[in-house]
């Protein structure tokens, strides 16, 4: 028993199978370490959903701000239109008053000159 017997073919195959099995197991362990567990996948999906929800909320906020800006622009344009209409009405009223003043002046001058002729001056 002090001498070692040369390995038999069965022992060689068994050792080779053991080495192959350990190599495959180490590769599978490495592959499993790279794989994602269900819990990790669920966490990633939850994080993605939260990120999508935040992005959707931000988009809704931006859309509401844009709608508010559009309303303000429309209101400003409406106010400018009203102001312009008031200015045009004031100008037209001033022109009408000036025309009436000129007509009144002509009438007064005509009446005055007619009365002066009647009186004889």
PDB file of N, CA and C in Angstrom:
ATOM      1  N   UNK A   1       0.793  -1.173   0.000  1.00  0.00           N
ATOM      2  CA  UNK A   1       0.000   0.000   0.000  1.00  0.00           C
ATOM      3  C   UNK A   1       0.843   1.246   0.000  1.00  0.00           C
ATOM      4  N   UNK A   2       2.069   1.136   0.224  1.00  0.00           N
ATOM      5  CA  UNK A   2       2.925   2.291   0.182  1.00  0.00           C
ATOM      6  C   UNK A   2       3.096   2.796  -1.231  1.00  0.00           C
ATOM      7  N   UNK A   3       2.967   1.874  -2.152  1.00  0.00           N
ATOM      8  CA  UNK A   3       3.086   2.263  -3.549  1.00  0.00           C
ATOM      9  C   UNK A   3       1.758   2.691  -4.096  1.00  0.00           C
ATOM     10  N   UNK A   4       1.815   3.737  -4.910  1.00  0.00           N
ATOM     11  CA  UNK A   4       0.558   4.143  -5.547  1.00  0.00           C
ATOM     12  C   UNK A   4       0.418   3.392  -6.836  1.00  0.00           C
ATOM     13  N   UNK A   5      -0.792   2.956  -7.053  1.00  0.00           N
ATOM     14  CA  UNK A   5      -1.085   2.240  -8.283  1.00  0.00           C
ATOM     15  C   UNK A   5      -1.326   3.249  -9.393  1.00  0.00           C
ATOM     16  N   UNK A   6      -0.951   2.886 -10.589  1.00  0.00           N
ATOM     17  CA  UNK A   6      -1.249   3.808 -11.677  1.00  0.00           C
ATOM     18  C   UNK A   6      -2.753   3.961 -11.823  1.00  0.00           C
ATOM     19  N   UNK A   7      -3.197   5.165 -12.156  1.00  0.00           N
ATOM     20  CA  UNK A   7      -4.641   5.377 -12.240  1.00  0.00           C
ATOM     21  C   UNK A   7      -5.241   4.543 -13.362  1.00  0.00           C
ATOM     22  N   UNK A   8      -6.382   4.014 -13.041  1.00  0.00           N
ATOM     23  CA  UNK A   8      -7.078   3.229 -14.058  1.00  0.00           C
ATOM     24  C   UNK A   8      -7.852   4.175 -14.964  1.00  0.00           C
ATOM     25  N   UNK A   9      -8.325   3.635 -16.043  1.00  0.00           N
ATOM     26  CA  UNK A   9      -9.085   4.449 -16.996  1.00  0.00           C
ATOM     27  C   UNK A   9     -10.338   5.010 -16.329  1.00  0.00           C
ATOM     28  N   UNK A  10     -10.955   4.224 -15.472  1.00  0.00           N
ATOM     29  CA  UNK A  10     -12.149   4.688 -14.761  1.00  0.00           C
ATOM     30  C   UNK A  10     -11.818   5.887 -13.876  1.00  0.00           C
ATOM     31  N   UNK A  11     -10.709   5.821 -13.163  1.00  0.00           N
ATOM     32  CA  UNK A  11     -10.309   6.926 -12.288  1.00  0.00           C
ATOM     33  C   UNK A  11      -9.936   8.162 -13.095  1.00  0.00           C
ATOM     34  N   UNK A  12      -9.319   7.955 -14.252  1.00  0.00           N
ATOM     35  CA  UNK A  12      -8.980   9.089 -15.117  1.00  0.00           C
ATOM     36  C   UNK A  12     -10.253   9.769 -15.604  1.00  0.00           C
ATOM     37  N   UNK A  13     -11.217   8.965 -16.056  1.00  0.00           N
ATOM     38  CA  UNK A  13     -12.488   9.539 -16.530  1.00  0.00           C
ATOM     39  C   UNK A  13     -13.236  10.223 -15.394  1.00  0.00           C
ATOM     40  N   UNK A  14     -13.205   9.617 -14.214  1.00  0.00           N
ATOM     41  CA  UNK A  14     -13.887  10.208 -13.070  1.00  0.00           C
ATOM     42  C   UNK A  14     -13.237  11.539 -12.686  1.00  0.00           C
ATOM     43  N   UNK A  15     -11.933  11.600 -12.691  1.00  0.00           N
ATOM     44  CA  UNK A  15     -11.232  12.852 -12.392  1.00  0.00           C
ATOM     45  C   UNK A  15     -11.513  13.910 -13.454  1.00  0.00           C
ATOM     46  N   UNK A  16     -11.517  13.470 -14.724  1.00  0.00           N
ATOM     47  CA  UNK A  16     -11.819  14.405 -15.813  1.00  0.00           C
ATOM     48  C   UNK A  16     -13.249  14.924 -15.698  1.00  0.00           C
ATOM     49  N   UNK A  17     -14.167  14.026 -15.347  1.00  0.00           N
ATOM     50  CA  UNK A  17     -15.568  14.433 -15.170  1.00  0.00           C
ATOM     51  C   UNK A  17     -15.695  15.406 -14.004  1.00  0.00           C
ATOM     52  N   UNK A  18     -14.961  15.155 -12.916  1.00  0.00           N
ATOM     53  CA  UNK A  18     -14.988  16.044 -11.758  1.00  0.00           C
ATOM     54  C   UNK A  18     -14.438  17.426 -12.129  1.00  0.00           C
ATOM     55  N   UNK A  19     -13.344  17.451 -12.892  1.00  0.00           N
ATOM     56  CA  UNK A  19     -12.773  18.729 -13.329  1.00  0.00           C
ATOM     57  C   UNK A  19     -13.740  19.481 -14.242  1.00  0.00           C
ATOM     58  N   UNK A  20     -14.348  18.737 -15.161  1.00  0.00           N
ATOM     59  CA  UNK A  20     -15.314  19.359 -16.082  1.00  0.00           C
ATOM     60  C   UNK A  20     -16.507  19.912 -15.313  1.00  0.00           C
ATOM     61  N   UNK A  21     -16.976  19.105 -14.340  1.00  0.00           N
ATOM     62  CA  UNK A  21     -18.123  19.539 -13.541  1.00  0.00           C
ATOM     63  C   UNK A  21     -17.780  20.795 -12.744  1.00  0.00           C
ATOM     64  N   UNK A  22     -16.609  20.840 -12.146  1.00  0.00           N
ATOM     65  CA  UNK A  22     -16.224  22.016 -11.359  1.00  0.00           C
ATOM     66  C   UNK A  22     -16.040  23.234 -12.269  1.00  0.00           C
ATOM     67  N   UNK A  23     -15.517  23.011 -13.479  1.00  0.00           N
ATOM     68  CA  UNK A  23     -15.366  24.125 -14.424  1.00  0.00           C
ATOM     69  C   UNK A  23     -16.729  24.655 -14.861  1.00  0.00           C
ATOM     70  N   UNK A  24     -17.642  23.733 -15.152  1.00  0.00           N
ATOM     71  CA  UNK A  24     -18.995  24.149 -15.556  1.00  0.00           C
ATOM     72  C   UNK A  24     -19.685  24.871 -14.409  1.00  0.00           C
ATOM     73  N   UNK A  25     -19.547  24.344 -13.195  1.00  0.00           N
ATOM     74  CA  UNK A  25     -20.167  24.992 -12.040  1.00  0.00           C
ATOM     75  C   UNK A  25     -19.595  26.387 -11.809  1.00  0.00           C
ATOM     76  N   UNK A  26     -18.281  26.534 -11.983  1.00  0.00           N
ATOM     77  CA  UNK A  26     -17.698  27.866 -11.789  1.00  0.00           C
ATOM     78  C   UNK A  26     -18.194  28.830 -12.867  1.00  0.00           C
ATOM     79  N   UNK A  27     -18.328  28.326 -14.095  1.00  0.00           N
ATOM     80  CA  UNK A  27     -18.875  29.187 -15.162  1.00  0.00           C
ATOM     81  C   UNK A  27     -20.330  29.550 -14.881  1.00  0.00           C
ATOM     82  N   UNK A  28     -21.103  28.562 -14.422  1.00  0.00           N
ATOM     83  CA  UNK A  28     -22.504  28.840 -14.100  1.00  0.00           C
ATOM     84  C   UNK A  28     -22.610  29.804 -12.927  1.00  0.00           C
ATOM     85  N   UNK A  29     -21.713  29.669 -11.952  1.00  0.00           N
ATOM     86  CA  UNK A  29     -21.719  30.612 -10.835  1.00  0.00           C
ATOM     87  C   UNK A  29     -21.420  32.019 -11.327  1.00  0.00           C
ATOM     88  N   UNK A  30     -20.454  32.131 -12.242  1.00  0.00           N
ATOM     89  CA  UNK A  30     -20.150  33.444 -12.819  1.00  0.00           C
ATOM     90  C   UNK A  30     -21.327  33.983 -13.612  1.00  0.00           C
ATOM     91  N   UNK A  31     -21.975  33.096 -14.350  1.00  0.00           N
ATOM     92  CA  UNK A  31     -23.142  33.518 -15.131  1.00  0.00           C
ATOM     93  C   UNK A  31     -24.289  33.909 -14.207  1.00  0.00           C
ATOM     94  N   UNK A  32     -24.491  33.133 -13.151  1.00  0.00           N
ATOM     95  CA  UNK A  32     -25.558  33.445 -12.205  1.00  0.00           C
ATOM     96  C   UNK A  32     -25.282  34.758 -11.491  1.00  0.00           C
ATOM     97  N   UNK A  33     -24.012  35.046 -11.263  1.00  0.00           N
ATOM     98  CA  UNK A  33     -23.684  36.316 -10.612  1.00  0.00           C
ATOM     99  C   UNK A  33     -24.024  37.488 -11.524  1.00  0.00           C
ATOM    100  N   UNK A  34     -23.961  37.256 -12.824  1.00  0.00           N
ATOM    101  CA  UNK A  34     -24.286  38.325 -13.775  1.00  0.00           C
ATOM    102  C   UNK A  34     -25.779  38.419 -14.050  1.00  0.00           C
ATOM    103  N   UNK A  35     -26.501  37.366 -13.733  1.00  0.00           N
ATOM    104  CA  UNK A  35     -27.942  37.370 -13.995  1.00  0.00           C
ATOM    105  C   UNK A  35     -28.668  38.193 -12.936  1.00  0.00           C
ATOM    106  N   UNK A  36     -29.820  38.673 -13.318  1.00  0.00           N
ATOM    107  CA  UNK A  36     -30.617  39.514 -12.437  1.00  0.00           C
ATOM    108  C   UNK A  36     -31.657  38.645 -11.737  1.00  0.00           C
ATOM    109  N   UNK A  37     -31.789  38.827 -10.451  1.00  0.00           N
ATOM    110  CA  UNK A  37     -32.804  38.075  -9.718  1.00  0.00           C
ATOM    111  C   UNK A  37     -34.169  38.723  -9.933  1.00  0.00           C
ATOM    112  N   UNK A  38     -35.205  38.001  -9.590  1.00  0.00           N
ATOM    113  CA  UNK A  38     -36.569  38.514  -9.743  1.00  0.00           C
ATOM    114  C   UNK A  38     -36.778  39.765  -8.896  1.00  0.00           C
ATOM    115  N   UNK A  39     -36.240  39.745  -7.684  1.00  0.00           N
ATOM    116  CA  UNK A  39     -36.399  40.908  -6.798  1.00  0.00           C
ATOM    117  C   UNK A  39     -35.694  42.123  -7.390  1.00  0.00           C
ATOM    118  N   UNK A  40     -34.503  41.881  -7.940  1.00  0.00           N
ATOM    119  CA  UNK A  40     -33.766  42.992  -8.536  1.00  0.00           C
ATOM    120  C   UNK A  40     -34.498  43.503  -9.779  1.00  0.00           C
ATOM    121  N   UNK A  41     -35.035  42.586 -10.578  1.00  0.00           N
ATOM    122  CA  UNK A  41     -35.798  42.980 -11.764  1.00  0.00           C
ATOM    123  C   UNK A  41     -37.032  43.783 -11.362  1.00  0.00           C
ATOM    124  N   UNK A  42     -37.726  43.338 -10.310  1.00  0.00           N
ATOM    125  CA  UNK A  42     -38.901  44.072  -9.835  1.00  0.00           C
ATOM    126  C   UNK A  42     -38.508  45.465  -9.361  1.00  0.00           C
ATOM    127  N   UNK A  43     -37.369  45.572  -8.681  1.00  0.00           N
ATOM    128  CA  UNK A  43     -36.903  46.881  -8.212  1.00  0.00           C
ATOM    129  C   UNK A  43     -36.570  47.794  -9.387  1.00  0.00           C
ATOM    130  N   UNK A  44     -35.903  47.245 -10.401  1.00  0.00           N
ATOM    131  CA  UNK A  44     -35.566  48.037 -11.589  1.00  0.00           C
ATOM    132  C   UNK A  44     -36.838  48.503 -12.291  1.00  0.00           C
ATOM    133  N   UNK A  45     -37.817  47.606 -12.408  1.00  0.00           N
ATOM    134  CA  UNK A  45     -39.082  47.984 -13.046  1.00  0.00           C
ATOM    135  C   UNK A  45     -39.804  49.050 -12.234  1.00  0.00           C
ATOM    136  N   UNK A  46     -39.779  48.929 -10.914  1.00  0.00           N
ATOM    137  CA  UNK A  46     -40.417  49.932 -10.063  1.00  0.00           C
ATOM    138  C   UNK A  46     -39.715  51.278 -10.211  1.00  0.00           C
ATOM    139  N   UNK A  47     -38.385  51.260 -10.239  1.00  0.00           N
ATOM    140  CA  UNK A  47     -37.639  52.508 -10.436  1.00  0.00           C
ATOM    141  C   UNK A  47     -37.968  53.135 -11.781  1.00  0.00           C
ATOM    142  N   UNK A  48     -38.077  52.305 -12.824  1.00  0.00           N
ATOM    143  CA  UNK A  48     -38.420  52.816 -14.154  1.00  0.00           C
ATOM    144  C   UNK A  48     -39.822  53.416 -14.149  1.00  0.00           C
ATOM    145  N   UNK A  49     -40.763  52.750 -13.466  1.00  0.00           N
ATOM    146  CA  UNK A  49     -42.128  53.265 -13.399  1.00  0.00           C
ATOM    147  C   UNK A  49     -42.160  54.606 -12.667  1.00  0.00           C
ATOM    148  N   UNK A  50     -41.420  54.696 -11.550  1.00  0.00           N
ATOM    149  CA  UNK A  50     -41.363  55.964 -10.813  1.00  0.00           C
ATOM    150  C   UNK A  50     -40.756  57.066 -11.673  1.00  0.00           C
ATOM    151  N   UNK A  51     -39.705  56.724 -12.415  1.00  0.00           N
ATOM    152  CA  UNK A  51     -39.062  57.704 -13.293  1.00  0.00           C
ATOM    153  C   UNK A  51     -40.033  58.141 -14.400  1.00  0.00           C
ATOM    154  N   UNK A  52     -40.767  57.174 -14.966  1.00  0.00           N
ATOM    155  CA  UNK A  52     -41.757  57.510 -15.991  1.00  0.00           C
ATOM    156  C   UNK A  52     -42.869  58.380 -15.422  1.00  0.00           C
ATOM    157  N   UNK A  53     -43.313  58.057 -14.194  1.00  0.00           N
ATOM    158  CA  UNK A  53     -44.364  58.861 -13.563  1.00  0.00           C
ATOM    159  C   UNK A  53     -43.885  60.292 -13.316  1.00  0.00           C
ATOM    160  N   UNK A  54     -42.646  60.431 -12.844  1.00  0.00           N
ATOM    161  CA  UNK A  54     -42.103  61.780 -12.628  1.00  0.00           C
ATOM    162  C   UNK A  54     -41.995  62.536 -13.947  1.00  0.00           C
ATOM    163  N   UNK A  55     -41.571  61.826 -14.983  1.00  0.00           N
ATOM    164  CA  UNK A  55     -41.438  62.478 -16.289  1.00  0.00           C
ATOM    165  C   UNK A  55     -42.813  62.880 -16.823  1.00  0.00           C
ATOM    166  N   UNK A  56     -43.813  62.007 -16.659  1.00  0.00           N
ATOM    167  CA  UNK A  56     -45.166  62.351 -17.096  1.00  0.00           C
ATOM    168  C   UNK A  56     -45.700  63.549 -16.322  1.00  0.00           C
ATOM    169  N   UNK A  57     -45.442  63.576 -15.011  1.00  0.00           N
ATOM    170  CA  UNK A  57     -45.890  64.714 -14.201  1.00  0.00           C
ATOM    171  C   UNK A  57     -45.206  65.992 -14.662  1.00  0.00           C
ATOM    172  N   UNK A  58     -43.924  65.904 -14.965  1.00  0.00           N
ATOM    173  CA  UNK A  58     -43.182  67.082 -15.449  1.00  0.00           C
ATOM    174  C   UNK A  58     -43.738  67.547 -16.793  1.00  0.00           C
ATOM    175  N   UNK A  59     -44.052  66.601 -17.678  1.00  0.00           N
ATOM    176  CA  UNK A  59     -44.630  66.972 -18.976  1.00  0.00           C
ATOM    177  C   UNK A  59     -45.996  67.632 -18.797  1.00  0.00           C
ATOM    178  N   UNK A  60     -46.818  67.068 -17.892  1.00  0.00           N
ATOM    179  CA  UNK A  60     -48.129  67.681 -17.635  1.00  0.00           C
ATOM    180  C   UNK A  60     -47.959  69.087 -17.077  1.00  0.00           C
ATOM    181  N   UNK A  61     -46.980  69.256 -16.189  1.00  0.00           N
ATOM    182  CA  UNK A  61     -46.720  70.576 -15.612  1.00  0.00           C
ATOM    183  C   UNK A  61     -46.282  71.560 -16.699  1.00  0.00           C
ATOM    184  N   UNK A  62     -45.398  71.111 -17.579  1.00  0.00           N
ATOM    185  CA  UNK A  62     -44.947  71.980 -18.675  1.00  0.00           C
ATOM    186  C   UNK A  62     -46.095  72.331 -19.612  1.00  0.00           C
ATOM    187  N   UNK A  63     -46.965  71.345 -19.896  1.00  0.00           N
ATOM    188  CA  UNK A  63     -48.115  71.616 -20.760  1.00  0.00           C
ATOM    189  C   UNK A  63     -49.064  72.609 -20.106  1.00  0.00           C
ATOM    190  N   UNK A  64     -49.280  72.466 -18.792  1.00  0.00           N
ATOM    191  CA  UNK A  64     -50.178  73.402 -18.113  1.00  0.00           C
ATOM    192  C   UNK A  64     -49.573  74.802 -18.092  1.00  0.00           C
ATOM    193  N   UNK A  65     -48.244  74.888 -17.900  1.00  0.00           N
ATOM    194  CA  UNK A  65     -47.593  76.200 -17.944  1.00  0.00           C
ATOM    195  C   UNK A  65     -47.697  76.803 -19.338  1.00  0.00           C
ATOM    196  N   UNK A  66     -47.557  75.966 -20.363  1.00  0.00           N
ATOM    197  CA  UNK A  66     -47.667  76.463 -21.737  1.00  0.00           C
ATOM    198  C   UNK A  66     -49.092  76.942 -22.014  1.00  0.00           C
ATOM    199  N   UNK A  67     -50.090  76.186 -21.537  1.00  0.00           N
ATOM    200  CA  UNK A  67     -51.478  76.621 -21.701  1.00  0.00           C
ATOM    201  C   UNK A  67     -51.718  77.946 -20.987  1.00  0.00           C
ATOM    202  N   UNK A  68     -51.161  78.080 -19.785  1.00  0.00           N
ATOM    203  CA  UNK A  68     -51.318  79.328 -19.031  1.00  0.00           C
ATOM    204  C   UNK A  68     -50.665  80.493 -19.772  1.00  0.00           C
ATOM    205  N   UNK A  69     -49.473  80.249 -20.325  1.00  0.00           N
ATOM    206  CA  UNK A  69     -48.803  81.301 -21.106  1.00  0.00           C
ATOM    207  C   UNK A  69     -49.625  81.675 -22.334  1.00  0.00           C
ATOM    208  N   UNK A  70     -50.192  80.675 -23.000  1.00  0.00           N
ATOM    209  CA  UNK A  70     -51.027  80.964 -24.172  1.00  0.00           C
ATOM    210  C   UNK A  70     -52.248  81.784 -23.781  1.00  0.00           C
ATOM    211  N   UNK A  71     -52.852  81.453 -22.637  1.00  0.00           N
ATOM    212  CA  UNK A  71     -53.996  82.243 -22.159  1.00  0.00           C
ATOM    213  C   UNK A  71     -53.572  83.677 -21.875  1.00  0.00           C
ATOM    214  N   UNK A  72     -52.409  83.835 -21.244  1.00  0.00           N
ATOM    215  CA  UNK A  72     -51.917  85.185 -20.941  1.00  0.00           C
ATOM    216  C   UNK A  72     -51.639  85.962 -22.220  1.00  0.00           C
ATOM    217  N   UNK A  73     -51.068  85.294 -23.226  1.00  0.00           N
ATOM    218  CA  UNK A  73     -50.784  85.963 -24.501  1.00  0.00           C
ATOM    219  C   UNK A  73     -52.087  86.372 -25.176  1.00  0.00           C
ATOM    220  N   UNK A  74     -53.083  85.474 -25.165  1.00  0.00           N
ATOM    221  CA  UNK A  74     -54.385  85.821 -25.758  1.00  0.00           C
ATOM    222  C   UNK A  74     -55.030  86.983 -25.014  1.00  0.00           C
ATOM    223  N   UNK A  75     -54.939  86.961 -23.664  1.00  0.00           N
ATOM    224  CA  UNK A  75     -55.513  88.042 -22.864  1.00  0.00           C
ATOM    225  C   UNK A  75     -54.796  89.354 -23.155  1.00  0.00           C
ATOM    226  N   UNK A  76     -53.485  89.312 -23.271  1.00  0.00           N
ATOM    227  CA  UNK A  76     -52.713  90.510 -23.585  1.00  0.00           C
ATOM    228  C   UNK A  76     -53.081  91.048 -24.966  1.00  0.00           C
ATOM    229  N   UNK A  77     -53.222  90.154 -25.946  1.00  0.00           N
ATOM    230  CA  UNK A  77     -53.614  90.582 -27.292  1.00  0.00           C
ATOM    231  C   UNK A  77     -55.009  91.193 -27.276  1.00  0.00           C
ATOM    232  N   UNK A  78     -55.911  90.601 -26.499  1.00  0.00           N
ATOM    233  CA  UNK A  78     -57.273  91.137 -26.388  1.00  0.00           C
ATOM    234  C   UNK A  78     -57.247  92.517 -25.729  1.00  0.00           C
ATOM    235  N   UNK A  79     -56.451  92.666 -24.682  1.00  0.00           N
ATOM    236  CA  UNK A  79     -56.337  93.972 -24.022  1.00  0.00           C
ATOM    237  C   UNK A  79     -55.745  95.017 -24.961  1.00  0.00           C
ATOM    238  N   UNK A  80     -54.742  94.623 -25.741  1.00  0.00           N
ATOM    239  CA  UNK A  80     -54.150  95.558 -26.701  1.00  0.00           C
ATOM    240  C   UNK A  80     -55.166  95.950 -27.772  1.00  0.00           C
ATOM    241  N   UNK A  81     -55.960  94.978 -28.214  1.00  0.00           N
ATOM    242  CA  UNK A  81     -56.987  95.282 -29.218  1.00  0.00           C
ATOM    243  C   UNK A  81     -58.013  96.259 -28.655  1.00  0.00           C
ATOM    244  N   UNK A  82     -58.435  96.028 -27.414  1.00  0.00           N
ATOM    245  CA  UNK A  82     -59.392  96.940 -26.787  1.00  0.00           C
ATOM    246  C   UNK A  82     -58.788  98.328 -26.619  1.00  0.00           C
ATOM    247  N   UNK A  83     -57.540  98.382 -26.181  1.00  0.00           N
ATOM    248  CA  UNK A  83     -56.868  99.667 -26.003  1.00  0.00           C
ATOM    249  C   UNK A  83     -56.757 100.405 -27.330  1.00  0.00           C
ATOM    250  N   UNK A  84     -56.407  99.692 -28.396  1.00  0.00           N
ATOM    251  CA  UNK A  84     -56.302 100.307 -29.720  1.00  0.00           C
ATOM    252  C   UNK A  84     -57.669 100.819 -30.182  1.00  0.00           C
ATOM    253  N   UNK A  85     -58.719 100.042 -29.915  1.00  0.00           N
ATOM    254  CA  UNK A  85     -60.067 100.476 -30.291  1.00  0.00           C
ATOM    255  C   UNK A  85     -60.457 101.736 -29.516  1.00  0.00           C
ATOM    256  N   UNK A  86     -60.115 101.790 -28.228  1.00  0.00           N
ATOM    257  CA  UNK A  86     -60.410 102.983 -27.439  1.00  0.00           C
ATOM    258  C   UNK A  86     -59.642 104.191 -27.964  1.00  0.00           C
ATOM    259  N   UNK A  87     -58.375 103.980 -28.341  1.00  0.00           N
ATOM    260  CA  UNK A  87     -57.589 105.087 -28.893  1.00  0.00           C
ATOM    261  C   UNK A  87     -58.192 105.590 -30.197  1.00  0.00           C
ATOM    262  N   UNK A  88     -58.578 104.660 -31.064  1.00  0.00           N
ATOM    263  CA  UNK A  88     -59.165 105.067 -32.349  1.00  0.00           C
ATOM    264  C   UNK A  88     -60.485 105.806 -32.118  1.00  0.00           C
ATOM    265  N   UNK A  89     -61.289 105.331 -31.153  1.00  0.00           N
ATOM    266  CA  UNK A  89     -62.546 106.010 -30.855  1.00  0.00           C
ATOM    267  C   UNK A  89     -62.272 107.418 -30.327  1.00  0.00           C
ATOM    268  N   UNK A  90     -61.258 107.550 -29.456  1.00  0.00           N
ATOM    269  CA  UNK A  90     -60.910 108.875 -28.920  1.00  0.00           C
ATOM    270  C   UNK A  90     -60.438 109.804 -30.030  1.00  0.00           C
ATOM    271  N   UNK A  91     -59.618 109.286 -30.942  1.00  0.00           N
ATOM    272  CA  UNK A  91     -59.142 110.101 -32.066  1.00  0.00           C
ATOM    273  C   UNK A  91     -60.307 110.514 -32.951  1.00  0.00           C
ATOM    274  N   UNK A  92     -61.204 109.569 -33.248  1.00  0.00           N
ATOM    275  CA  UNK A  92     -62.364 109.891 -34.088  1.00  0.00           C
ATOM    276  C   UNK A  92     -63.247 110.922 -33.400  1.00  0.00           C
ATOM    277  N   UNK A  93     -63.432 110.798 -32.101  1.00  0.00           N
ATOM    278  CA  UNK A  93     -64.241 111.760 -31.353  1.00  0.00           C
ATOM    279  C   UNK A  93     -63.589 113.139 -31.366  1.00  0.00           C
ATOM    280  N   UNK A  94     -62.260 113.183 -31.235  1.00  0.00           N
ATOM    281  CA  UNK A  94     -61.546 114.465 -31.281  1.00  0.00           C
ATOM    282  C   UNK A  94     -61.668 115.098 -32.660  1.00  0.00           C
ATOM    283  N   UNK A  95     -61.529 114.283 -33.715  1.00  0.00           N
ATOM    284  CA  UNK A  95     -61.679 114.810 -35.088  1.00  0.00           C
ATOM    285  C   UNK A  95     -63.098 115.318 -35.289  1.00  0.00           C
ATOM    286  N   UNK A  96     -64.094 114.578 -34.811  1.00  0.00           N
ATOM    287  CA  UNK A  96     -65.489 115.008 -34.940  1.00  0.00           C
ATOM    288  C   UNK A  96     -65.714 116.324 -34.192  1.00  0.00           C
ATOM    289  N   UNK A  97     -65.127 116.429 -32.990  1.00  0.00           N
ATOM    290  CA  UNK A  97     -65.236 117.678 -32.227  1.00  0.00           C
ATOM    291  C   UNK A  97     -64.570 118.832 -32.953  1.00  0.00           C
ATOM    292  N   UNK A  98     -63.414 118.579 -33.573  1.00  0.00           N
ATOM    293  CA  UNK A  98     -62.720 119.632 -34.322  1.00  0.00           C
ATOM    294  C   UNK A  98     -63.548 120.067 -35.522  1.00  0.00           C
ATOM    295  N   UNK A  99     -64.144 119.103 -36.223  1.00  0.00           N
ATOM    296  CA  UNK A  99     -65.000 119.440 -37.379  1.00  0.00           C
ATOM    297  C   UNK A  99     -66.195 120.256 -36.913  1.00  0.00           C
ATOM    298  N   UNK A 100     -66.814 119.854 -35.797  1.00  0.00           N
ATOM    299  CA  UNK A 100     -67.943 120.624 -35.276  1.00  0.00           C
ATOM    300  C   UNK A 100     -67.503 122.024 -34.863  1.00  0.00           C
ATOM    301  N   UNK A 101     -66.320 122.149 -34.292  1.00  0.00           N
ATOM    302  CA  UNK A 101     -65.805 123.471 -33.911  1.00  0.00           C
ATOM    303  C   UNK A 101     -65.598 124.344 -35.139  1.00  0.00           C
ATOM    304  N   UNK A 102     -65.035 123.765 -36.198  1.00  0.00           N
ATOM    305  CA  UNK A 102     -64.831 124.531 -37.439  1.00  0.00           C
ATOM    306  C   UNK A 102     -66.180 124.945 -38.014  1.00  0.00           C
ATOM    307  N   UNK A 103     -67.126 124.018 -38.049  1.00  0.00           N
ATOM    308  CA  UNK A 103     -68.468 124.351 -38.564  1.00  0.00           C
ATOM    309  C   UNK A 103     -69.099 125.422 -37.689  1.00  0.00           C
ATOM    310  N   UNK A 104     -68.976 125.269 -36.369  1.00  0.00           N
ATOM    311  CA  UNK A 104     -69.517 126.291 -35.457  1.00  0.00           C
ATOM    312  C   UNK A 104     -68.851 127.631 -35.674  1.00  0.00           C
ATOM    313  N   UNK A 105     -67.538 127.630 -35.886  1.00  0.00           N
ATOM    314  CA  UNK A 105     -66.818 128.879 -36.149  1.00  0.00           C
ATOM    315  C   UNK A 105     -67.282 129.531 -37.441  1.00  0.00           C
ATOM    316  N   UNK A 106     -67.485 128.717 -38.479  1.00  0.00           N
ATOM    317  CA  UNK A 106     -67.966 129.253 -39.766  1.00  0.00           C
ATOM    318  C   UNK A 106     -69.360 129.828 -39.588  1.00  0.00           C
ATOM    319  N   UNK A 107     -70.219 129.115 -38.847  1.00  0.00           N
ATOM    320  CA  UNK A 107     -71.586 129.611 -38.628  1.00  0.00           C
ATOM    321  C   UNK A 107     -71.546 130.913 -37.844  1.00  0.00           C
ATOM    322  N   UNK A 108     -70.757 130.971 -36.781  1.00  0.00           N
ATOM    323  CA  UNK A 108     -70.662 132.191 -35.982  1.00  0.00           C
ATOM    324  C   UNK A 108     -70.112 133.332 -36.832  1.00  0.00           C
ATOM    325  N   UNK A 109     -69.081 133.061 -37.633  1.00  0.00           N
ATOM    326  CA  UNK A 109     -68.505 134.107 -38.488  1.00  0.00           C
ATOM    327  C   UNK A 109     -69.530 134.579 -39.516  1.00  0.00           C
ATOM    328  N   UNK A 110     -70.276 133.625 -40.093  1.00  0.00           N
ATOM    329  CA  UNK A 110     -71.288 133.995 -41.087  1.00  0.00           C
ATOM    330  C   UNK A 110     -72.389 134.829 -40.441  1.00  0.00           C
ATOM    331  N   UNK A 111     -72.862 134.396 -39.291  1.00  0.00           N
ATOM    332  CA  UNK A 111     -73.926 135.145 -38.610  1.00  0.00           C
ATOM    333  C   UNK A 111     -73.415 136.515 -38.197  1.00  0.00           C
ATOM    334  N   UNK A 112     -72.211 136.563 -37.671  1.00  0.00           N
ATOM    335  CA  UNK A 112     -71.646 137.840 -37.241  1.00  0.00           C
ATOM    336  C   UNK A 112     -71.469 138.780 -38.423  1.00  0.00           C
ATOM    337  N   UNK A 113     -70.917 138.268 -39.516  1.00  0.00           N
ATOM    338  CA  UNK A 113     -70.733 139.149 -40.693  1.00  0.00           C
ATOM    339  C   UNK A 113     -72.079 139.547 -41.290  1.00  0.00           C
ATOM    340  N   UNK A 114     -73.070 138.658 -41.228  1.00  0.00           N
ATOM    341  CA  UNK A 114     -74.407 139.006 -41.727  1.00  0.00           C
ATOM    342  C   UNK A 114     -75.063 140.060 -40.866  1.00  0.00           C
ATOM    343  N   UNK A 115     -74.904 139.949 -39.561  1.00  0.00           N
ATOM    344  CA  UNK A 115     -75.477 140.948 -38.674  1.00  0.00           C
ATOM    345  C   UNK A 115     -74.776 142.292 -38.837  1.00  0.00           C
ATOM    346  N   UNK A 116     -73.479 142.242 -39.095  1.00  0.00           N
ATOM    347  CA  UNK A 116     -72.751 143.494 -39.301  1.00  0.00           C
ATOM    348  C   UNK A 116     -73.226 144.187 -40.576  1.00  0.00           C
ATOM    349  N   UNK A 117     -73.548 143.408 -41.568  1.00  0.00           N
ATOM    350  CA  UNK A 117     -74.049 144.014 -42.804  1.00  0.00           C
ATOM    351  C   UNK A 117     -75.442 144.584 -42.575  1.00  0.00           C
ATOM    352  N   UNK A 118     -76.226 143.889 -41.780  1.00  0.00           N
ATOM    353  CA  UNK A 118     -77.575 144.372 -41.505  1.00  0.00           C
ATOM    354  C   UNK A 118     -77.498 145.652 -40.687  1.00  0.00           C
ATOM    355  N   UNK A 119     -76.640 145.691 -39.738  1.00  0.00           N
ATOM    356  CA  UNK A 119     -76.512 146.862 -38.886  1.00  0.00           C
ATOM    357  C   UNK A 119     -75.846 147.986 -39.683  1.00  0.00           C
ATOM    358  N   UNK A 120     -75.025 147.685 -40.585  1.00  0.00           N
ATOM    359  CA  UNK A 120     -74.408 148.671 -41.436  1.00  0.00           C
ATOM    360  C   UNK A 120     -72.988 148.999 -41.052  1.00  0.00           C
ATOM    361  N   UNK A 121     -72.358 148.285 -40.443  1.00  0.00           N
ATOM    362  CA  UNK A 121     -70.993 148.606 -40.094  1.00  0.00           C
ATOM    363  C   UNK A 121     -70.031 148.282 -41.121  1.00  0.00           C
TER     364      UNK A 121
END
